[in-house]
N, C-alpha and C. Protein backbone atom coordinates (compact mmCIF):
# COMPACT_ATOMS: atom_id res chain seq x y z
N MET A 1 -93.54 54.46 -36.93
CA MET A 1 -93.32 55.06 -35.61
C MET A 1 -92.21 54.29 -34.91
N ALA A 2 -91.24 54.97 -34.36
CA ALA A 2 -90.11 54.34 -33.67
C ALA A 2 -90.60 53.71 -32.36
N ASN A 3 -89.77 52.83 -31.79
CA ASN A 3 -90.12 52.20 -30.52
C ASN A 3 -90.35 53.28 -29.47
N LEU A 4 -91.52 53.25 -28.86
CA LEU A 4 -91.83 54.23 -27.82
C LEU A 4 -91.08 53.91 -26.53
N VAL A 5 -90.94 52.61 -26.26
CA VAL A 5 -90.29 52.16 -25.05
C VAL A 5 -89.35 51.01 -25.43
N PRO A 6 -88.11 51.04 -24.98
CA PRO A 6 -87.20 49.94 -25.31
C PRO A 6 -87.70 48.60 -24.75
N THR A 7 -87.53 47.57 -25.53
CA THR A 7 -87.99 46.24 -25.13
C THR A 7 -87.33 45.81 -23.82
N GLU A 8 -86.07 46.19 -23.62
CA GLU A 8 -85.36 45.82 -22.39
C GLU A 8 -86.04 46.40 -21.16
N ARG A 9 -86.56 47.61 -21.29
CA ARG A 9 -87.25 48.23 -20.16
C ARG A 9 -88.53 47.45 -19.84
N ILE A 10 -89.23 47.04 -20.87
CA ILE A 10 -90.46 46.27 -20.67
C ILE A 10 -90.13 44.93 -20.03
N GLU A 11 -89.03 44.29 -20.47
CA GLU A 11 -88.64 42.99 -19.91
C GLU A 11 -88.45 43.09 -18.40
N ARG A 12 -87.92 44.21 -17.93
CA ARG A 12 -87.71 44.37 -16.48
C ARG A 12 -89.02 44.50 -15.72
N LEU A 13 -90.10 44.82 -16.41
CA LEU A 13 -91.40 44.96 -15.75
C LEU A 13 -92.14 43.63 -15.64
N ILE A 14 -91.69 42.63 -16.36
CA ILE A 14 -92.36 41.32 -16.36
C ILE A 14 -91.96 40.57 -15.09
N LEU A 15 -92.97 40.16 -14.33
CA LEU A 15 -92.76 39.47 -13.06
C LEU A 15 -93.29 38.04 -13.16
N LEU A 16 -92.81 37.17 -12.31
CA LEU A 16 -93.33 35.81 -12.23
C LEU A 16 -94.15 35.70 -10.95
N ILE A 17 -95.47 35.60 -11.12
CA ILE A 17 -96.38 35.51 -9.99
C ILE A 17 -97.35 34.36 -10.26
N ARG A 18 -97.51 33.49 -9.26
CA ARG A 18 -98.37 32.30 -9.40
C ARG A 18 -97.96 31.46 -10.60
N GLY A 19 -96.68 31.45 -10.89
CA GLY A 19 -96.17 30.65 -11.99
C GLY A 19 -96.45 31.22 -13.37
N GLN A 20 -96.92 32.48 -13.43
CA GLN A 20 -97.21 33.11 -14.71
C GLN A 20 -96.42 34.40 -14.84
N LYS A 21 -96.03 34.70 -16.07
CA LYS A 21 -95.34 35.96 -16.35
C LYS A 21 -96.41 37.03 -16.51
N VAL A 22 -96.30 38.09 -15.71
CA VAL A 22 -97.32 39.14 -15.67
C VAL A 22 -96.68 40.52 -15.59
N ILE A 23 -97.52 41.54 -15.85
CA ILE A 23 -97.11 42.94 -15.68
C ILE A 23 -98.16 43.62 -14.81
N LEU A 24 -97.71 44.43 -13.86
CA LEU A 24 -98.62 45.16 -12.96
C LEU A 24 -99.44 46.20 -13.72
N ASP A 25 -100.67 46.44 -13.26
CA ASP A 25 -101.53 47.44 -13.89
C ASP A 25 -100.90 48.83 -13.89
N ALA A 26 -100.20 49.18 -12.80
CA ALA A 26 -99.58 50.51 -12.72
C ALA A 26 -98.47 50.66 -13.76
N ASP A 27 -97.70 49.60 -13.96
CA ASP A 27 -96.64 49.65 -14.97
C ASP A 27 -97.23 49.76 -16.38
N LEU A 28 -98.31 49.02 -16.62
CA LEU A 28 -98.97 49.10 -17.93
C LEU A 28 -99.56 50.48 -18.16
N ALA A 29 -100.20 51.03 -17.13
CA ALA A 29 -100.80 52.36 -17.26
C ALA A 29 -99.73 53.39 -17.61
N GLU A 30 -98.57 53.28 -16.97
CA GLU A 30 -97.48 54.20 -17.25
C GLU A 30 -97.01 54.04 -18.70
N LEU A 31 -96.87 52.80 -19.15
CA LEU A 31 -96.44 52.55 -20.53
C LEU A 31 -97.44 53.11 -21.53
N TYR A 32 -98.73 52.92 -21.25
CA TYR A 32 -99.78 53.39 -22.17
C TYR A 32 -100.03 54.89 -22.08
N GLY A 33 -99.52 55.51 -21.03
CA GLY A 33 -99.72 56.95 -20.86
C GLY A 33 -101.11 57.28 -20.35
N VAL A 34 -101.68 56.39 -19.54
CA VAL A 34 -102.99 56.63 -18.94
C VAL A 34 -102.87 56.41 -17.43
N SER A 35 -103.89 56.82 -16.70
CA SER A 35 -103.87 56.59 -15.26
C SER A 35 -104.26 55.13 -14.97
N VAL A 36 -103.86 54.66 -13.79
CA VAL A 36 -104.23 53.31 -13.38
C VAL A 36 -105.75 53.19 -13.34
N GLY A 37 -106.41 54.23 -12.84
CA GLY A 37 -107.87 54.23 -12.77
C GLY A 37 -108.51 54.10 -14.15
N ARG A 38 -107.97 54.83 -15.11
CA ARG A 38 -108.49 54.77 -16.49
C ARG A 38 -108.30 53.37 -17.08
N LEU A 39 -107.12 52.78 -16.85
CA LEU A 39 -106.86 51.44 -17.36
C LEU A 39 -107.82 50.42 -16.74
N ASN A 40 -107.94 50.45 -15.42
CA ASN A 40 -108.81 49.50 -14.74
C ASN A 40 -110.28 49.74 -15.07
N GLU A 41 -110.66 50.98 -15.31
CA GLU A 41 -112.04 51.30 -15.71
C GLU A 41 -112.35 50.68 -17.08
N ALA A 42 -111.41 50.80 -18.02
CA ALA A 42 -111.60 50.20 -19.35
C ALA A 42 -111.71 48.68 -19.24
N VAL A 43 -110.95 48.09 -18.34
CA VAL A 43 -111.02 46.64 -18.13
C VAL A 43 -112.38 46.27 -17.54
N ARG A 44 -112.82 47.02 -16.51
CA ARG A 44 -114.12 46.71 -15.88
C ARG A 44 -115.27 46.80 -16.88
N ARG A 45 -115.21 47.76 -17.80
CA ARG A 45 -116.26 47.89 -18.81
C ARG A 45 -116.28 46.72 -19.78
N ASN A 46 -115.16 46.03 -19.89
CA ASN A 46 -115.04 44.91 -20.82
C ASN A 46 -114.56 43.64 -20.09
N ILE A 47 -115.05 43.45 -18.90
CA ILE A 47 -114.55 42.39 -18.02
C ILE A 47 -114.70 41.00 -18.65
N ASP A 48 -115.68 40.81 -19.54
CA ASP A 48 -115.86 39.50 -20.17
C ASP A 48 -114.68 39.15 -21.08
N ARG A 49 -113.85 40.13 -21.45
CA ARG A 49 -112.67 39.88 -22.28
C ARG A 49 -111.45 39.49 -21.44
N PHE A 50 -111.58 39.50 -20.11
CA PHE A 50 -110.43 39.27 -19.24
C PHE A 50 -110.71 38.14 -18.24
N PRO A 51 -110.68 36.89 -18.72
CA PRO A 51 -110.84 35.77 -17.79
C PRO A 51 -109.62 35.68 -16.85
N ASP A 52 -109.69 34.79 -15.88
CA ASP A 52 -108.64 34.69 -14.86
C ASP A 52 -107.26 34.37 -15.42
N ASP A 53 -107.19 33.72 -16.58
CA ASP A 53 -105.87 33.43 -17.14
C ASP A 53 -105.32 34.61 -17.95
N PHE A 54 -106.10 35.70 -18.07
CA PHE A 54 -105.65 36.93 -18.74
C PHE A 54 -105.28 38.00 -17.70
N MET A 55 -105.97 37.98 -16.56
CA MET A 55 -105.80 39.02 -15.55
C MET A 55 -106.28 38.49 -14.20
N PHE A 56 -105.58 38.86 -13.14
CA PHE A 56 -106.07 38.53 -11.80
C PHE A 56 -105.56 39.59 -10.83
N GLN A 57 -106.23 39.66 -9.68
CA GLN A 57 -105.83 40.64 -8.67
C GLN A 57 -104.94 39.95 -7.65
N LEU A 58 -103.86 40.61 -7.28
CA LEU A 58 -102.97 40.07 -6.27
C LEU A 58 -103.67 40.07 -4.91
N THR A 59 -103.32 39.13 -4.07
CA THR A 59 -103.80 39.17 -2.69
C THR A 59 -102.96 40.21 -1.96
N ARG A 60 -103.42 40.65 -0.81
CA ARG A 60 -102.64 41.61 -0.02
C ARG A 60 -101.28 41.02 0.34
N GLU A 61 -101.27 39.72 0.64
CA GLU A 61 -100.02 39.06 1.00
C GLU A 61 -99.05 39.03 -0.19
N GLU A 62 -99.56 38.68 -1.37
CA GLU A 62 -98.71 38.67 -2.57
C GLU A 62 -98.15 40.05 -2.85
N PHE A 63 -99.00 41.06 -2.70
CA PHE A 63 -98.55 42.41 -2.98
C PHE A 63 -97.53 42.86 -1.92
N GLY A 64 -97.76 42.48 -0.68
CA GLY A 64 -96.80 42.79 0.38
C GLY A 64 -95.44 42.13 0.10
N ASP A 65 -95.49 40.87 -0.33
CA ASP A 65 -94.24 40.17 -0.68
C ASP A 65 -93.54 40.87 -1.84
N LEU A 66 -94.32 41.28 -2.82
CA LEU A 66 -93.76 41.97 -3.99
C LEU A 66 -93.11 43.28 -3.58
N ARG A 67 -93.79 44.02 -2.71
CA ARG A 67 -93.24 45.30 -2.24
C ARG A 67 -91.96 45.09 -1.44
N SER A 68 -91.92 44.02 -0.63
CA SER A 68 -90.73 43.78 0.19
C SER A 68 -89.54 43.34 -0.66
N GLN A 69 -89.81 42.74 -1.84
CA GLN A 69 -88.73 42.32 -2.73
C GLN A 69 -88.17 43.49 -3.52
N THR A 70 -88.93 44.56 -3.63
CA THR A 70 -88.52 45.72 -4.40
C THR A 70 -87.86 46.72 -3.47
N VAL A 71 -86.81 47.32 -3.90
CA VAL A 71 -86.14 48.34 -3.09
C VAL A 71 -87.12 49.47 -2.82
N ALA A 72 -87.27 49.87 -1.57
CA ALA A 72 -88.27 50.86 -1.17
C ALA A 72 -88.14 52.17 -1.95
N SER A 73 -86.93 52.56 -2.26
CA SER A 73 -86.77 53.83 -2.97
C SER A 73 -87.29 53.76 -4.40
N ASN A 74 -87.41 52.56 -4.95
CA ASN A 74 -87.91 52.41 -6.31
C ASN A 74 -89.43 52.35 -6.38
N LEU A 75 -90.07 52.20 -5.24
CA LEU A 75 -91.53 52.07 -5.24
C LEU A 75 -92.18 53.41 -5.56
N LYS A 76 -93.19 53.33 -6.37
CA LYS A 76 -93.95 54.53 -6.71
C LYS A 76 -94.98 54.77 -5.61
N PRO A 77 -95.38 56.01 -5.37
CA PRO A 77 -96.33 56.28 -4.30
C PRO A 77 -97.63 55.50 -4.46
N GLN A 78 -98.07 55.23 -5.70
CA GLN A 78 -99.34 54.52 -5.88
C GLN A 78 -99.24 53.06 -5.47
N PHE A 79 -98.03 52.58 -5.13
CA PHE A 79 -97.88 51.19 -4.72
C PHE A 79 -98.17 50.98 -3.24
N ALA A 80 -98.38 52.05 -2.52
CA ALA A 80 -98.68 51.91 -1.10
C ALA A 80 -100.15 51.57 -0.93
N ILE A 81 -100.44 50.56 -0.12
CA ILE A 81 -101.83 50.20 0.15
C ILE A 81 -102.21 50.87 1.47
N SER A 82 -103.26 51.64 1.41
CA SER A 82 -103.66 52.40 2.59
C SER A 82 -104.91 51.77 3.20
N SER A 83 -104.82 51.43 4.48
CA SER A 83 -106.00 50.85 5.14
C SER A 83 -107.02 51.93 5.46
N SER A 84 -106.57 53.17 5.59
CA SER A 84 -107.49 54.25 5.91
C SER A 84 -108.23 54.78 4.69
N GLY A 85 -107.72 54.41 3.50
CA GLY A 85 -108.37 54.89 2.28
C GLY A 85 -107.76 56.18 1.78
N TRP A 86 -106.89 56.82 2.56
CA TRP A 86 -106.26 58.07 2.13
C TRP A 86 -104.89 57.78 1.55
N GLY A 87 -104.65 58.23 0.35
CA GLY A 87 -103.35 58.08 -0.28
C GLY A 87 -103.07 56.65 -0.71
N GLY A 88 -102.31 56.52 -1.76
CA GLY A 88 -101.91 55.20 -2.22
C GLY A 88 -103.08 54.39 -2.76
N ARG A 89 -102.86 53.12 -2.89
CA ARG A 89 -103.88 52.21 -3.42
C ARG A 89 -104.77 51.75 -2.29
N ARG A 90 -106.03 51.58 -2.59
CA ARG A 90 -106.95 51.02 -1.59
C ARG A 90 -107.04 49.52 -1.74
N HIS A 91 -106.66 49.01 -2.91
CA HIS A 91 -106.75 47.59 -3.18
C HIS A 91 -105.46 47.11 -3.83
N PRO A 92 -105.14 45.85 -3.65
CA PRO A 92 -103.96 45.32 -4.34
C PRO A 92 -104.13 45.44 -5.86
N PRO A 93 -103.05 45.53 -6.59
CA PRO A 93 -103.13 45.75 -8.03
C PRO A 93 -103.59 44.51 -8.81
N TYR A 94 -104.00 44.78 -10.02
CA TYR A 94 -104.27 43.71 -10.97
C TYR A 94 -102.99 43.46 -11.74
N VAL A 95 -102.83 42.24 -12.19
CA VAL A 95 -101.70 41.90 -13.06
C VAL A 95 -102.26 41.26 -14.31
N PHE A 96 -101.55 41.48 -15.43
CA PHE A 96 -102.02 41.00 -16.72
C PHE A 96 -101.00 40.04 -17.32
N THR A 97 -101.49 38.90 -17.78
CA THR A 97 -100.63 37.94 -18.47
C THR A 97 -100.42 38.43 -19.90
N GLU A 98 -99.65 37.69 -20.65
CA GLU A 98 -99.38 38.07 -22.04
C GLU A 98 -100.68 38.20 -22.83
N GLN A 99 -101.60 37.26 -22.63
CA GLN A 99 -102.88 37.32 -23.34
C GLN A 99 -103.71 38.51 -22.88
N GLY A 100 -103.64 38.83 -21.60
CA GLY A 100 -104.36 39.99 -21.08
C GLY A 100 -103.83 41.29 -21.64
N VAL A 101 -102.52 41.36 -21.79
CA VAL A 101 -101.92 42.56 -22.37
C VAL A 101 -102.37 42.71 -23.83
N ALA A 102 -102.40 41.60 -24.55
CA ALA A 102 -102.86 41.63 -25.95
C ALA A 102 -104.31 42.13 -26.02
N MET A 103 -105.11 41.72 -25.08
CA MET A 103 -106.52 42.14 -25.06
C MET A 103 -106.64 43.64 -24.72
N LEU A 104 -105.71 44.17 -23.93
CA LEU A 104 -105.77 45.58 -23.54
C LEU A 104 -105.76 46.52 -24.75
N SER A 105 -105.02 46.16 -25.79
CA SER A 105 -104.96 47.06 -26.95
C SER A 105 -106.33 47.23 -27.60
N SER A 106 -107.16 46.19 -27.54
CA SER A 106 -108.50 46.32 -28.13
C SER A 106 -109.43 47.11 -27.21
N VAL A 107 -109.12 47.16 -25.94
CA VAL A 107 -109.95 47.88 -24.98
C VAL A 107 -109.57 49.36 -24.93
N LEU A 108 -108.27 49.66 -24.99
CA LEU A 108 -107.83 51.05 -24.87
C LEU A 108 -107.95 51.82 -26.19
N ARG A 109 -107.81 51.16 -27.30
CA ARG A 109 -108.07 51.72 -28.64
C ARG A 109 -107.33 53.02 -28.95
N SER A 110 -106.06 53.08 -28.66
CA SER A 110 -105.28 54.26 -29.07
C SER A 110 -104.08 53.77 -29.86
N LYS A 111 -103.53 54.64 -30.68
CA LYS A 111 -102.34 54.27 -31.46
C LYS A 111 -101.20 53.91 -30.52
N ARG A 112 -101.05 54.68 -29.46
CA ARG A 112 -99.99 54.39 -28.49
C ARG A 112 -100.18 53.01 -27.87
N ALA A 113 -101.42 52.66 -27.52
CA ALA A 113 -101.69 51.35 -26.93
C ALA A 113 -101.29 50.23 -27.89
N VAL A 114 -101.59 50.40 -29.16
CA VAL A 114 -101.23 49.39 -30.16
C VAL A 114 -99.71 49.27 -30.26
N GLN A 115 -99.00 50.39 -30.34
CA GLN A 115 -97.55 50.37 -30.46
C GLN A 115 -96.88 49.79 -29.20
N ILE A 116 -97.39 50.18 -28.05
CA ILE A 116 -96.84 49.65 -26.80
C ILE A 116 -97.09 48.15 -26.73
N ASN A 117 -98.28 47.70 -27.14
CA ASN A 117 -98.57 46.27 -27.11
C ASN A 117 -97.62 45.48 -28.00
N ILE A 118 -97.28 46.04 -29.14
CA ILE A 118 -96.32 45.37 -30.03
C ILE A 118 -94.99 45.17 -29.29
N GLU A 119 -94.53 46.21 -28.62
CA GLU A 119 -93.27 46.10 -27.87
C GLU A 119 -93.38 45.13 -26.71
N ILE A 120 -94.53 45.12 -26.03
CA ILE A 120 -94.72 44.19 -24.92
C ILE A 120 -94.71 42.75 -25.43
N MET A 121 -95.38 42.50 -26.56
CA MET A 121 -95.40 41.15 -27.14
C MET A 121 -93.97 40.73 -27.50
N ARG A 122 -93.20 41.64 -28.05
CA ARG A 122 -91.80 41.34 -28.37
C ARG A 122 -91.01 40.99 -27.11
N ALA A 123 -91.28 41.71 -26.03
CA ALA A 123 -90.58 41.44 -24.77
C ALA A 123 -90.94 40.06 -24.24
N PHE A 124 -92.22 39.70 -24.29
CA PHE A 124 -92.64 38.37 -23.83
C PHE A 124 -91.99 37.28 -24.69
N VAL A 125 -91.97 37.48 -25.99
CA VAL A 125 -91.36 36.49 -26.90
C VAL A 125 -89.87 36.36 -26.60
N ARG A 126 -89.20 37.49 -26.44
CA ARG A 126 -87.77 37.45 -26.16
C ARG A 126 -87.47 36.75 -24.83
N LEU A 127 -88.29 37.02 -23.84
CA LEU A 127 -88.14 36.37 -22.54
C LEU A 127 -88.35 34.87 -22.68
N ARG A 128 -89.35 34.47 -23.42
CA ARG A 128 -89.63 33.05 -23.64
C ARG A 128 -88.44 32.38 -24.35
N GLU A 129 -87.87 33.06 -25.36
CA GLU A 129 -86.71 32.51 -26.07
C GLU A 129 -85.51 32.36 -25.14
N MET A 130 -85.30 33.35 -24.26
CA MET A 130 -84.19 33.26 -23.32
C MET A 130 -84.38 32.08 -22.38
N LEU A 131 -85.62 31.90 -21.89
CA LEU A 131 -85.89 30.78 -20.98
C LEU A 131 -85.66 29.45 -21.68
N LEU A 132 -86.09 29.36 -22.95
CA LEU A 132 -85.88 28.12 -23.70
C LEU A 132 -84.40 27.85 -23.90
N SER A 133 -83.63 28.88 -24.21
CA SER A 133 -82.20 28.67 -24.41
C SER A 133 -81.54 28.27 -23.10
N HIS A 134 -82.00 28.81 -21.97
CA HIS A 134 -81.46 28.41 -20.67
C HIS A 134 -81.81 26.95 -20.38
N LYS A 135 -83.04 26.56 -20.70
CA LYS A 135 -83.44 25.17 -20.49
C LYS A 135 -82.61 24.24 -21.37
N ASP A 136 -82.37 24.65 -22.62
CA ASP A 136 -81.57 23.84 -23.53
C ASP A 136 -80.14 23.72 -22.99
N LEU A 137 -79.59 24.82 -22.50
CA LEU A 137 -78.25 24.80 -21.93
C LEU A 137 -78.20 23.89 -20.70
N ALA A 138 -79.21 23.98 -19.85
CA ALA A 138 -79.26 23.13 -18.66
C ALA A 138 -79.34 21.66 -19.05
N ARG A 139 -80.12 21.36 -20.08
CA ARG A 139 -80.25 19.98 -20.55
C ARG A 139 -78.89 19.46 -21.07
N LYS A 140 -78.17 20.30 -21.82
CA LYS A 140 -76.85 19.91 -22.34
C LYS A 140 -75.86 19.71 -21.20
N LEU A 141 -75.91 20.57 -20.19
CA LEU A 141 -75.03 20.40 -19.04
C LEU A 141 -75.30 19.09 -18.31
N ASP A 142 -76.58 18.76 -18.14
CA ASP A 142 -76.94 17.50 -17.50
C ASP A 142 -76.40 16.31 -18.30
N ALA A 143 -76.53 16.37 -19.62
CA ALA A 143 -76.03 15.28 -20.47
C ALA A 143 -74.51 15.14 -20.33
N LEU A 144 -73.80 16.28 -20.34
CA LEU A 144 -72.34 16.24 -20.16
C LEU A 144 -71.97 15.66 -18.80
N GLU A 145 -72.70 16.07 -17.79
CA GLU A 145 -72.42 15.58 -16.45
C GLU A 145 -72.61 14.07 -16.38
N ARG A 146 -73.70 13.57 -16.96
CA ARG A 146 -73.93 12.12 -16.97
C ARG A 146 -72.82 11.41 -17.75
N LYS A 147 -72.41 11.99 -18.86
CA LYS A 147 -71.37 11.41 -19.71
C LYS A 147 -70.07 11.29 -18.93
N TYR A 148 -69.69 12.35 -18.24
CA TYR A 148 -68.43 12.33 -17.52
C TYR A 148 -68.51 11.55 -16.22
N GLU A 149 -69.69 11.37 -15.67
CA GLU A 149 -69.82 10.51 -14.50
C GLU A 149 -69.45 9.09 -14.89
N SER A 150 -69.91 8.60 -16.05
CA SER A 150 -69.56 7.25 -16.49
C SER A 150 -68.07 7.19 -16.80
N HIS A 151 -67.50 8.28 -17.37
CA HIS A 151 -66.06 8.32 -17.61
C HIS A 151 -65.31 8.25 -16.29
N ASP A 152 -65.81 8.92 -15.28
CA ASP A 152 -65.17 8.88 -13.96
C ASP A 152 -65.09 7.45 -13.44
N MET A 153 -66.17 6.71 -13.60
CA MET A 153 -66.18 5.32 -13.12
C MET A 153 -65.14 4.51 -13.89
N HIS A 154 -65.07 4.71 -15.20
CA HIS A 154 -64.09 3.97 -16.01
C HIS A 154 -62.67 4.38 -15.65
N ILE A 155 -62.45 5.65 -15.44
CA ILE A 155 -61.11 6.13 -15.08
C ILE A 155 -60.72 5.59 -13.71
N ARG A 156 -61.65 5.59 -12.77
CA ARG A 156 -61.35 5.05 -11.44
C ARG A 156 -60.97 3.57 -11.53
N SER A 157 -61.73 2.81 -12.32
CA SER A 157 -61.42 1.38 -12.44
C SER A 157 -60.08 1.18 -13.14
N LEU A 158 -59.74 2.04 -14.11
CA LEU A 158 -58.45 1.97 -14.79
C LEU A 158 -57.32 2.25 -13.80
N PHE A 159 -57.45 3.28 -12.98
CA PHE A 159 -56.43 3.57 -11.98
C PHE A 159 -56.30 2.43 -10.98
N GLU A 160 -57.40 1.84 -10.60
CA GLU A 160 -57.36 0.72 -9.67
C GLU A 160 -56.60 -0.45 -10.28
N ALA A 161 -56.84 -0.73 -11.55
CA ALA A 161 -56.12 -1.81 -12.23
C ALA A 161 -54.64 -1.50 -12.30
N ILE A 162 -54.29 -0.24 -12.61
CA ILE A 162 -52.88 0.15 -12.66
C ILE A 162 -52.24 0.01 -11.30
N ARG A 163 -52.93 0.41 -10.25
CA ARG A 163 -52.38 0.27 -8.88
C ARG A 163 -52.13 -1.19 -8.55
N GLN A 164 -53.05 -2.05 -8.97
CA GLN A 164 -52.87 -3.48 -8.70
C GLN A 164 -51.66 -4.01 -9.45
N LEU A 165 -51.46 -3.56 -10.69
CA LEU A 165 -50.30 -4.00 -11.45
C LEU A 165 -49.00 -3.46 -10.86
N MET A 166 -49.06 -2.28 -10.27
CA MET A 166 -47.87 -1.66 -9.70
C MET A 166 -47.49 -2.27 -8.35
N THR A 167 -48.41 -2.91 -7.72
CA THR A 167 -48.13 -3.52 -6.42
C THR A 167 -47.19 -4.70 -6.64
N PRO A 168 -46.03 -4.66 -6.01
CA PRO A 168 -45.09 -5.78 -6.21
C PRO A 168 -45.66 -7.07 -5.64
N PRO A 169 -45.36 -8.17 -6.31
CA PRO A 169 -45.86 -9.45 -5.79
C PRO A 169 -45.16 -9.78 -4.48
N GLU A 170 -45.83 -10.51 -3.67
CA GLU A 170 -45.23 -10.90 -2.40
C GLU A 170 -44.10 -11.88 -2.70
N PRO A 171 -42.94 -11.68 -2.09
CA PRO A 171 -41.81 -12.58 -2.36
C PRO A 171 -42.12 -13.98 -1.84
N LYS A 172 -41.62 -14.97 -2.60
CA LYS A 172 -41.82 -16.36 -2.16
C LYS A 172 -40.83 -16.62 -1.04
N LYS A 173 -41.30 -17.06 0.03
CA LYS A 173 -40.44 -17.36 1.17
C LYS A 173 -40.23 -18.87 1.25
N ARG A 174 -39.03 -19.19 1.55
CA ARG A 174 -38.72 -20.60 1.72
C ARG A 174 -39.12 -21.01 3.10
N LYS A 175 -39.82 -22.10 3.15
CA LYS A 175 -40.30 -22.59 4.43
C LYS A 175 -39.13 -23.12 5.24
N ILE A 176 -39.21 -22.87 6.50
CA ILE A 176 -38.16 -23.35 7.41
C ILE A 176 -38.48 -24.80 7.77
N GLY A 177 -37.43 -25.60 7.83
CA GLY A 177 -37.61 -26.99 8.23
C GLY A 177 -37.20 -27.94 7.12
N PHE A 178 -37.35 -29.21 7.40
CA PHE A 178 -36.94 -30.26 6.48
C PHE A 178 -38.05 -30.51 5.50
N LEU A 179 -37.72 -30.38 4.21
CA LEU A 179 -38.72 -30.62 3.18
C LEU A 179 -38.24 -31.79 2.34
N VAL A 180 -38.88 -32.88 2.43
CA VAL A 180 -38.47 -34.10 1.77
C VAL A 180 -38.61 -33.97 0.25
N LYS A 181 -39.70 -33.53 -0.22
CA LYS A 181 -39.95 -33.45 -1.65
C LYS A 181 -38.96 -32.51 -2.32
N GLU A 182 -38.66 -31.40 -1.67
CA GLU A 182 -37.77 -30.41 -2.25
C GLU A 182 -36.35 -31.00 -2.37
N ARG A 183 -35.85 -31.71 -1.35
CA ARG A 183 -34.49 -32.32 -1.36
C ARG A 183 -34.41 -33.43 -2.39
N ALA A 184 -35.44 -34.19 -2.44
CA ALA A 184 -35.42 -35.32 -3.37
C ALA A 184 -35.33 -34.82 -4.78
N ALA A 185 -36.03 -33.75 -5.09
CA ALA A 185 -35.98 -33.21 -6.43
C ALA A 185 -34.61 -32.62 -6.71
N LYS A 186 -33.97 -32.09 -5.70
CA LYS A 186 -32.69 -31.45 -5.84
C LYS A 186 -31.60 -32.46 -6.17
N TYR A 187 -31.66 -33.62 -5.51
CA TYR A 187 -30.60 -34.59 -5.70
C TYR A 187 -30.97 -35.68 -6.71
N GLY A 188 -32.06 -35.49 -7.39
CA GLY A 188 -32.43 -36.41 -8.45
C GLY A 188 -33.08 -37.66 -7.96
N ARG A 189 -33.50 -37.70 -6.76
CA ARG A 189 -34.20 -38.87 -6.24
C ARG A 189 -35.67 -38.65 -6.38
N ALA A 190 -36.35 -39.59 -6.79
CA ALA A 190 -37.76 -39.41 -6.91
C ALA A 190 -38.51 -40.44 -6.16
């Protein structure tokens, strides 16, 4: 079966919340081709498979921050939280970590869920590899910076030494007045 969803599209759905890479329940439901209610119902029936490090619910504040960071025109209608209970979501969404997403395939039990999970796992791995390569690049940049900082100090001291050598010596001035020792040496008297 060909890729149902491009990995790049899935990568754009991965968010960093509470220091963890997660995907919103609504985005997962769309990928799996089920309703958000159906996805969350399957999770509730198997809640013992989803500890807090696999899945957690956003606070209203976190969800509000998330909504404000997203362009309003891109928001789906189900992302609106309604205090009256009419329309939109009544509760903030759940988010699933990489392990939670892996567990979803065993809960949803469809061929599509398995295939989508494979693509999601690939997206998480690719994201992790990109982050590692960025960290490696940052580490190399730091090393170069430290290396050239010491070179800067050596170059500065070299220029300072050159400037000192270029500074002409102060001319010897002959003292004004009668100098006995100087005359005696001149005329051979000691």
